[in-house]
Amino acid sequence: MYKDITISEAQKLVDEWIKTVGVRYFNELTNTAILMEEVGELARIMARKYGEQSFKESDEEVNMADEMADVLWVLICLANQTGVDLTDALHKNFEKKNIRDKDRHKENKKLR
C-alpha cells in the first residue's frame, strides 16, 4: 500500500492522519504516557521471545512489528507536537555518536 517512507514523509502522514481521522493530537503529557505504554507492550514481547519469560495464552496474537510501529507512531506524534524535525535530529545524533564513540566501542574489551 505504501512505498518506502522517509522520516519526513512519515511525520507529514501522521500529522495528516491526526488532523483528519484522529481529530486532534492528545496533549504532550498524554502522548508521553502512551509512548511509555507502547514501549512496555514491546518490552513484554521481547521478554517472552528473547528472554526467560514464557508466552501466556493471551500473548498468542502478539505482533512485534506492529508494537514497534506503535512506538514509532507515538514518537512521531510527539516530534510533530514539539516542533522536532526527526530527520535533522537523527543526522545530528549520528554526528554526535561518530565523535563521542569514535573509538569507545572498539576499545571496549566487553564487546570482544
Protein backbone atom coordinates (compact mmCIF):
# COMPACT_ATOMS: atom_id res chain seq x y z
CA MET A 1 0.00 0.00 0.00
CA TYR A 2 2.73 2.48 0.96
CA LYS A 3 6.05 2.88 -0.80
CA ASP A 4 9.19 3.37 1.25
CA ILE A 5 8.56 6.34 3.54
CA THR A 6 11.19 8.81 4.64
CA ILE A 7 11.12 10.06 8.20
CA SER A 8 9.98 13.46 6.95
CA GLU A 9 7.16 11.87 4.96
CA ALA A 10 6.16 9.81 7.99
CA GLN A 11 5.90 12.98 10.06
CA LYS A 12 3.65 14.54 7.42
CA LEU A 13 1.50 11.40 7.04
CA VAL A 14 0.96 11.09 10.78
CA ASP A 15 0.09 14.80 11.00
CA GLU A 16 -2.45 14.46 8.17
CA TRP A 17 -4.00 11.38 9.78
CA ILE A 18 -4.23 13.04 13.20
CA LYS A 19 -5.90 16.14 11.76
CA THR A 20 -8.43 14.17 9.70
CA VAL A 21 -9.17 10.78 11.26
CA GLY A 22 -7.79 11.43 14.72
CA VAL A 23 -9.42 14.88 15.08
CA ARG A 24 -6.50 16.32 17.09
CA TYR A 25 -3.33 15.38 18.93
CA PHE A 26 -3.57 14.23 22.52
CA ASN A 27 -1.56 16.61 24.67
CA GLU A 28 2.17 16.04 25.04
CA LEU A 29 1.93 14.56 28.51
CA THR A 30 -0.76 12.10 27.43
CA ASN A 31 1.28 11.10 24.39
CA THR A 32 4.36 10.62 26.57
CA ALA A 33 2.37 8.27 28.80
CA ILE A 34 1.05 6.45 25.71
CA LEU A 35 4.62 6.13 24.40
CA MET A 36 5.67 4.50 27.67
CA GLU A 37 2.69 2.15 27.42
CA GLU A 38 3.63 1.15 23.87
CA VAL A 39 7.28 0.63 24.82
CA GLY A 40 6.04 -1.57 27.67
CA GLU A 41 3.99 -3.67 25.26
CA LEU A 42 7.05 -4.12 23.06
CA ALA A 43 9.16 -4.97 26.10
CA ARG A 44 6.64 -7.65 27.10
CA ILE A 45 7.02 -9.33 23.71
CA MET A 46 10.82 -9.06 23.80
CA ALA A 47 10.96 -10.57 27.31
CA ARG A 48 8.92 -13.54 26.15
CA LYS A 49 10.51 -14.04 22.74
CA TYR A 50 14.16 -13.40 23.63
CA GLY A 51 14.18 -13.51 27.42
CA GLU A 52 13.33 -16.12 30.02
CA GLN A 53 9.60 -15.42 30.31
CA SER A 54 7.19 -17.76 28.58
CA PHE A 55 4.24 -16.72 26.45
CA LYS A 56 0.77 -16.84 28.00
CA GLU A 57 -2.37 -17.77 26.08
CA SER A 58 -3.26 -14.09 25.92
CA ASP A 59 0.07 -13.43 24.18
CA GLU A 60 -0.65 -15.68 21.20
CA GLU A 61 -1.77 -12.86 18.92
CA VAL A 62 1.14 -10.52 19.66
CA ASN A 63 2.84 -8.84 16.73
CA MET A 64 6.28 -7.39 17.45
CA ALA A 65 6.40 -5.37 14.22
CA ASP A 66 3.04 -3.78 14.99
CA GLU A 67 4.18 -2.88 18.51
CA MET A 68 7.36 -1.29 17.10
CA ALA A 69 5.22 0.69 14.65
CA ASP A 70 3.01 1.85 17.55
CA VAL A 71 6.13 3.13 19.37
CA LEU A 72 7.28 4.92 16.22
CA TRP A 73 3.82 6.40 15.63
CA VAL A 74 3.59 7.99 19.07
CA LEU A 75 7.19 9.19 18.91
CA ILE A 76 6.37 10.88 15.60
CA CYS A 77 3.30 12.46 17.20
CA LEU A 78 5.46 13.90 19.97
CA ALA A 79 8.01 15.19 17.45
CA ASN A 80 5.25 16.88 15.46
CA GLN A 81 3.75 18.44 18.56
CA THR A 82 7.04 19.80 19.84
CA GLY A 83 8.40 21.01 16.50
CA VAL A 84 11.18 18.41 16.22
CA ASP A 85 12.37 17.55 12.71
CA LEU A 86 13.28 13.90 13.25
CA THR A 87 15.38 13.74 10.07
CA ASP A 88 17.53 16.61 11.26
CA ALA A 89 17.63 15.23 14.80
CA LEU A 90 18.77 11.82 13.57
CA HIS A 91 21.51 13.35 11.41
CA LYS A 92 22.77 15.36 14.41
CA ASN A 93 22.57 12.24 16.59
CA PHE A 94 24.78 10.32 14.13
CA GLU A 95 27.27 13.20 14.15
CA LYS A 96 27.32 13.21 17.96
CA LYS A 97 27.82 9.45 18.17
CA ASN A 98 30.52 9.44 15.48
CA ILE A 99 32.51 11.97 17.50
CA ARG A 100 31.78 10.70 21.01
CA ASP A 101 32.01 6.99 20.27
CA LYS A 102 34.69 7.04 17.55
CA ASP A 103 36.92 4.58 19.43
CA ARG A 104 34.83 3.84 22.52
CA HIS A 105 33.23 0.59 21.34
CA LYS A 106 36.34 -0.64 19.51
CA GLU A 107 38.30 -0.28 22.75
CA ASN A 108 35.62 -1.90 24.92
CA LYS A 109 37.00 -5.31 25.97
CA LYS A 110 33.49 -6.43 26.88
CA LEU A 111 32.48 -6.33 23.21
CA ARG A 112 35.17 -8.73 22.02
